[in-house]
C-alpha atoms as a PDB file:
ATOM      1  CA  MET A   1      16.313 -12.044  -6.472  1.00  0.00           C
ATOM      2  CA  SER A   2      13.129  -9.997  -6.885  1.00  0.00           C
ATOM      3  CA  ASN A   3       9.688 -11.099  -5.799  1.00  0.00           C
ATOM      4  CA  ALA A   4       6.866 -10.999  -8.555  1.00  0.00           C
ATOM      5  CA  LYS A   5       4.211 -10.395  -6.328  1.00  0.00           C
ATOM      6  CA  ASN A   6       5.807  -7.171  -4.888  1.00  0.00           C
ATOM      7  CA  SER A   7       6.900  -6.182  -8.327  1.00  0.00           C
ATOM      8  CA  ALA A   8       3.491  -6.380 -10.008  1.00  0.00           C
ATOM      9  CA  VAL A   9       1.115  -3.506 -10.330  1.00  0.00           C
ATOM     10  CA  HIS A  10      -1.989  -3.988  -8.379  1.00  0.00           C
ATOM     11  CA  PRO A  11      -5.081  -4.418 -10.570  1.00  0.00           C
ATOM     12  CA  ALA A  12      -7.017  -1.676  -8.795  1.00  0.00           C
ATOM     13  CA  LEU A  13      -4.256   0.674  -9.488  1.00  0.00           C
ATOM     14  CA  LYS A  14      -4.003   0.020 -12.995  1.00  0.00           C
ATOM     15  CA  ASN A  15      -7.683   0.875 -13.494  1.00  0.00           C
ATOM     16  CA  PHE A  16      -7.966   3.598 -10.901  1.00  0.00           C
ATOM     17  CA  ASP A  17      -9.456   6.068 -13.165  1.00  0.00           C
ATOM     18  CA  GLU A  18     -12.402   3.695 -14.096  1.00  0.00           C
ATOM     19  CA  LEU A  19     -13.199   2.878 -10.478  1.00  0.00           C
ATOM     20  CA  PRO A  20     -16.396   4.250  -8.857  1.00  0.00           C
ATOM     21  CA  ASP A  21     -16.230   7.006  -6.394  1.00  0.00           C
ATOM     22  CA  ALA A  22     -17.840   4.468  -4.061  1.00  0.00           C
ATOM     23  CA  ALA A  23     -15.032   1.770  -4.344  1.00  0.00           C
ATOM     24  CA  ASN A  24     -12.673   1.019  -1.661  1.00  0.00           C
ATOM     25  CA  VAL A  25      -9.050   0.238  -2.486  1.00  0.00           C
ATOM     26  CA  PRO A  26      -6.264  -1.486  -0.167  1.00  0.00           C
ATOM     27  CA  LEU A  27      -2.957  -0.137   1.289  1.00  0.00           C
ATOM     28  CA  ALA A  28      -0.954  -1.310  -1.810  1.00  0.00           C
ATOM     29  CA  VAL A  29      -3.113   1.036  -4.035  1.00  0.00           C
ATOM     30  CA  VAL A  30      -2.736   4.005  -1.945  1.00  0.00           C
ATOM     31  CA  CYS A  31       0.913   3.416  -1.887  1.00  0.00           C
ATOM     32  CA  GLY A  32       1.244   3.258  -5.626  1.00  0.00           C
ATOM     33  CA  ILE A  33      -0.875   6.239  -5.812  1.00  0.00           C
ATOM     34  CA  TYR A  34       1.158   8.491  -3.473  1.00  0.00           C
ATOM     35  CA  GLY A  35       4.473   6.864  -4.274  1.00  0.00           C
ATOM     36  CA  CYS A  36       5.421   5.874  -0.696  1.00  0.00           C
ATOM     37  CA  SER A  37       6.003   2.749   1.482  1.00  0.00           C
ATOM     38  CA  PRO A  38       3.020   1.372   3.812  1.00  0.00           C
ATOM     39  CA  ALA A  39       4.910   2.811   6.752  1.00  0.00           C
ATOM     40  CA  THR A  40       4.833   6.130   5.287  1.00  0.00           C
ATOM     41  CA  ALA A  41       1.348   5.941   4.232  1.00  0.00           C
ATOM     42  CA  TRP A  42       0.376   5.075   7.767  1.00  0.00           C
ATOM     43  CA  ARG A  43       2.341   7.916   9.087  1.00  0.00           C
ATOM     44  CA  ARG A  44       0.721  10.205   6.653  1.00  0.00           C
ATOM     45  CA  VAL A  45      -2.683   9.187   7.982  1.00  0.00           C
ATOM     46  CA  ARG A  46      -1.843   9.574  11.587  1.00  0.00           C
ATOM     47  CA  SER A  47      -0.642  13.150  10.703  1.00  0.00           C
ATOM     48  CA  GLY A  48      -3.703  14.205   8.634  1.00  0.00           C
ATOM     49  CA  GLN A  49      -1.777  14.251   5.335  1.00  0.00           C
ATOM     50  CA  LEU A  50      -3.509  11.456   3.908  1.00  0.00           C
ATOM     51  CA  VAL A  51      -7.294  10.576   4.201  1.00  0.00           C
ATOM     52  CA  ALA A  52      -8.029   7.889   6.777  1.00  0.00           C
ATOM     53  CA  PRO A  53      -9.132   4.476   5.689  1.00  0.00           C
ATOM     54  CA  HIS A  54     -12.287   2.737   6.996  1.00  0.00           C
ATOM     55  CA  ARG A  55     -12.479  -0.693   8.618  1.00  0.00           C
ATOM     56  CA  ILE A  56     -14.461  -3.234   6.702  1.00  0.00           C
ATOM     57  CA  GLY A  57     -14.518  -6.050   9.102  1.00  0.00           C
ATOM     58  CA  SER A  58     -12.425  -6.828  11.891  1.00  0.00           C
ATOM     59  CA  ARG A  59      -9.088  -7.196   9.931  1.00  0.00           C
ATOM     60  CA  THR A  60      -9.682  -5.594   6.770  1.00  0.00           C
ATOM     61  CA  THR A  61      -8.810  -1.612   5.957  1.00  0.00           C
ATOM     62  CA  ARG A  62      -9.598   0.084   2.967  1.00  0.00           C
ATOM     63  CA  TRP A  63      -9.574   3.603   1.386  1.00  0.00           C
ATOM     64  CA  ASN A  64     -12.393   4.997  -0.363  1.00  0.00           C
ATOM     65  CA  VAL A  65     -11.652   6.064  -3.944  1.00  0.00           C
ATOM     66  CA  GLY A  66     -13.812   9.259  -4.015  1.00  0.00           C
ATOM     67  CA  GLU A  67     -12.062  10.573  -0.751  1.00  0.00           C
ATOM     68  CA  ILE A  68      -8.805   9.673  -2.296  1.00  0.00           C
ATOM     69  CA  ARG A  69      -9.507  11.763  -5.782  1.00  0.00           C
ATOM     70  CA  ASN A  70     -10.642  14.552  -3.544  1.00  0.00           C
ATOM     71  CA  ALA A  71      -7.409  14.810  -1.473  1.00  0.00           C
ATOM     72  CA  LEU A  72      -5.618  14.512  -4.702  1.00  0.00           C
ATOM     73  CA  LYS A  73      -7.617  17.550  -6.134  1.00  0.00           C
ATOM     74  CA  LYS A  74      -6.876  19.588  -2.906  1.00  0.00           C
ATOM     75  CA  MET A  75      -3.062  18.518  -3.442  1.00  0.00           C
ATOM     76  CA  GLU A  76      -3.066  19.649  -7.028  1.00  0.00           C
ATOM     77  CA  GLY A  77      -4.552  23.084  -6.255  1.00  0.00           C
ATOM     78  CA  ARG A  78      -1.973  23.621  -3.658  1.00  0.00           C
ATOM     79  CA  HIS A  79       0.793  22.721  -5.946  1.00  0.00           C
ATOM     80  CA  GLU A  80      -0.574  25.242  -8.542  1.00  0.00           C
ATOM     81  CA  LEU A  81      -0.603  28.001  -5.813  1.00  0.00           C
ATOM     82  CA  LEU A  82       3.250  27.613  -5.171  1.00  0.00           C
ATOM     83  CA  SER A  83       4.214  27.405  -8.647  1.00  0.00           C
END
């Protein structure tokens, strides 16, 4: 039995290209962009492979959209060098 909440696409992920660089997105969006699980996302943050999130309040962590876009551009440049 599938859980509808887990299979739904986060609205911020659907509209990622329209978000301003100053926007912040949750872990679910980061996982959707990079195609990884939450555990892998946190592991990549610790190893420096993924941009670090920002704490917003005592229990909220978000990633900056502009920082994610810059990291994706850098990854794309490295991929082109390898091709």
